[in-house]
Every structure is written in structure tokens, then in C-alpha cells.
Amino acid sequence: MNNNLDLEDAIAALDQYNYDKKRTSDLDQARNKSQMKKYISSLDFNLRRLQILQEAVNESIEEEQQFIAQQENIQTYKTKIINLSRQLNLSYEQVVQIMKQQEEKA
């Protein structure tokens, strides 16, 4: 019987935790601009700290955009190698190996 009460207490605590977590103005819960603004205003930052936050966000955005562009370039390059392998009737690995050999010669 005591185990049942402990289990019920644990479940109730988890339910309360999840409810509280959903109700907080947490950045993890922010999905749109107004929720983000509400979270930022809850930080109670002065102008200088807000400017530093803005710089950090801008840098993060730039890094993410560069990463996405790099991934797109890699995918484009892979597609070109696949198309070349089809034209030459070779496997992808064979084309890559030939490219490595050509690079070593240069």
C-alpha cells in the first residue's frame, strides 16, 4: 500500500512539474515573436545587455546561415559526382577515387 502512495505522489509531482513548465515563460516554450518578446522582457535587461544579446543572436544567425549554405554546397557537389558517375558508368566511390588521384597529381 505504501508503494502505491509513493507512486501516486511521484506521478502527481511529475504532472505538476509538466504543468508548471508549460505555464512558465520559458524560452524553450517560445514559438513566435510575441512569446519571444515576453521572455526577453522577463529577463529585465538594460539597454546594454539587450544590445549584447542582439549581437550574440545576430552572430548565431550568421553562423547557422553559413552552415546551411555549406551543407547545400556539399549536397550539390555530391549530386554532381553522382551524375558524373552515371555518365561515366562508374560507382560513386570510383569517381571520388579518380578525383583524389587527380588532386595528388596536381
Protein backbone atom coordinates (compact mmCIF):
# COMPACT_ATOMS: atom_id res chain seq x y z
CA MET A 1 0.00 0.00 0.00
CA ASN A 2 2.86 2.37 0.84
CA ASN A 3 4.40 1.78 -2.60
CA ASN A 4 1.13 2.79 -4.25
CA LEU A 5 1.08 6.08 -2.34
CA ASP A 6 4.70 6.75 -3.25
CA LEU A 7 3.97 6.02 -6.89
CA GLU A 8 0.89 8.23 -6.87
CA ASP A 9 2.87 11.05 -5.22
CA ALA A 10 5.60 10.71 -7.83
CA ILE A 11 3.09 10.79 -10.70
CA ALA A 12 1.34 13.82 -9.18
CA ALA A 13 4.69 15.59 -8.82
CA LEU A 14 5.57 14.88 -12.46
CA ASP A 15 2.16 16.11 -13.59
CA GLN A 16 2.62 19.30 -11.58
CA TYR A 17 6.12 19.78 -12.99
CA ASN A 18 4.91 19.41 -16.59
CA TYR A 19 2.01 21.78 -15.92
CA ASP A 20 4.33 24.35 -14.35
CA LYS A 21 6.82 24.01 -17.17
CA LYS A 22 4.10 24.65 -19.77
CA ARG A 23 2.87 27.70 -17.86
CA THR A 24 6.25 29.40 -17.49
CA SER A 25 7.51 31.99 -19.94
CA ASP A 26 10.45 29.78 -20.82
CA LEU A 27 12.48 30.36 -23.97
CA ASP A 28 12.13 26.65 -24.80
CA GLN A 29 8.37 27.19 -24.95
CA ALA A 30 8.54 30.35 -27.10
CA ARG A 31 7.42 29.63 -30.66
CA ASN A 32 6.53 33.04 -32.05
CA LYS A 33 7.63 36.65 -31.88
CA SER A 34 5.29 37.73 -29.10
CA GLN A 35 6.33 34.81 -26.89
CA MET A 36 9.99 35.61 -27.54
CA LYS A 37 9.41 39.28 -26.65
CA LYS A 38 7.61 38.25 -23.47
CA TYR A 39 10.54 36.06 -22.49
CA ILE A 40 13.08 38.78 -23.27
CA SER A 41 11.14 41.35 -21.25
CA SER A 42 11.02 38.88 -18.34
CA LEU A 43 14.84 38.95 -18.32
CA ASP A 44 14.67 42.59 -17.27
CA PHE A 45 17.85 43.52 -19.18
CA ASN A 46 19.06 47.08 -19.52
CA LEU A 47 19.77 48.53 -22.95
CA ARG A 48 23.43 47.50 -22.99
CA ARG A 49 22.67 43.87 -22.14
CA LEU A 50 19.91 43.83 -24.79
CA GLN A 51 22.42 45.09 -27.37
CA ILE A 52 24.89 42.36 -26.38
CA LEU A 53 22.08 39.81 -26.68
CA GLN A 54 21.24 41.20 -30.13
CA GLU A 55 24.88 40.88 -31.24
CA ALA A 56 25.02 37.30 -29.97
CA VAL A 57 21.78 36.41 -31.76
CA ASN A 58 23.00 38.04 -34.99
CA GLU A 59 26.26 36.07 -34.82
CA SER A 60 24.37 32.84 -34.17
CA ILE A 61 22.10 33.53 -37.14
CA GLU A 62 25.08 34.24 -39.39
CA GLU A 63 26.83 31.04 -38.28
CA GLU A 64 23.68 28.99 -38.89
CA GLN A 65 23.20 30.54 -42.35
CA GLN A 66 26.82 29.75 -43.23
CA PHE A 67 26.39 26.19 -42.02
CA ILE A 68 23.21 25.73 -44.08
CA ALA A 69 24.90 27.19 -47.18
CA GLN A 70 27.85 24.85 -46.65
CA GLN A 71 25.51 21.85 -46.35
CA GLU A 72 23.70 22.89 -49.53
CA ASN A 73 27.02 23.22 -51.38
CA ILE A 74 28.11 19.79 -50.18
CA GLN A 75 24.80 18.27 -51.31
CA THR A 76 25.12 19.99 -54.72
CA TYR A 77 28.67 18.68 -55.06
CA LYS A 78 27.57 15.14 -54.14
CA THR A 79 24.78 15.33 -56.72
CA LYS A 80 27.25 16.41 -59.38
CA ILE A 81 29.50 13.46 -58.52
CA ILE A 82 26.53 11.09 -58.68
CA ASN A 83 25.54 12.46 -62.10
CA LEU A 84 29.12 12.17 -63.31
CA SER A 85 29.33 8.59 -62.09
CA ARG A 86 26.18 7.76 -64.06
CA GLN A 87 27.57 9.41 -67.20
CA LEU A 88 30.84 7.50 -66.91
CA ASN A 89 29.11 4.29 -65.79
CA LEU A 90 31.28 4.20 -62.65
CA SER A 91 30.41 3.94 -58.98
CA TYR A 92 30.39 7.00 -56.76
CA GLU A 93 33.44 5.68 -54.90
CA GLN A 94 35.34 5.16 -58.16
CA VAL A 95 34.72 8.75 -59.24
CA VAL A 96 35.85 10.05 -55.84
CA GLN A 97 38.97 7.88 -56.03
CA ILE A 98 39.81 9.24 -59.51
CA MET A 99 39.30 12.79 -58.22
CA LYS A 100 41.70 12.08 -55.33
CA GLN A 101 44.28 10.73 -57.74
CA GLN A 102 43.95 13.82 -59.94
CA GLU A 103 44.36 16.08 -56.93
CA GLU A 104 47.52 14.24 -55.86
CA LYS A 105 49.00 14.70 -59.34
CA ALA A 106 48.37 18.46 -59.26
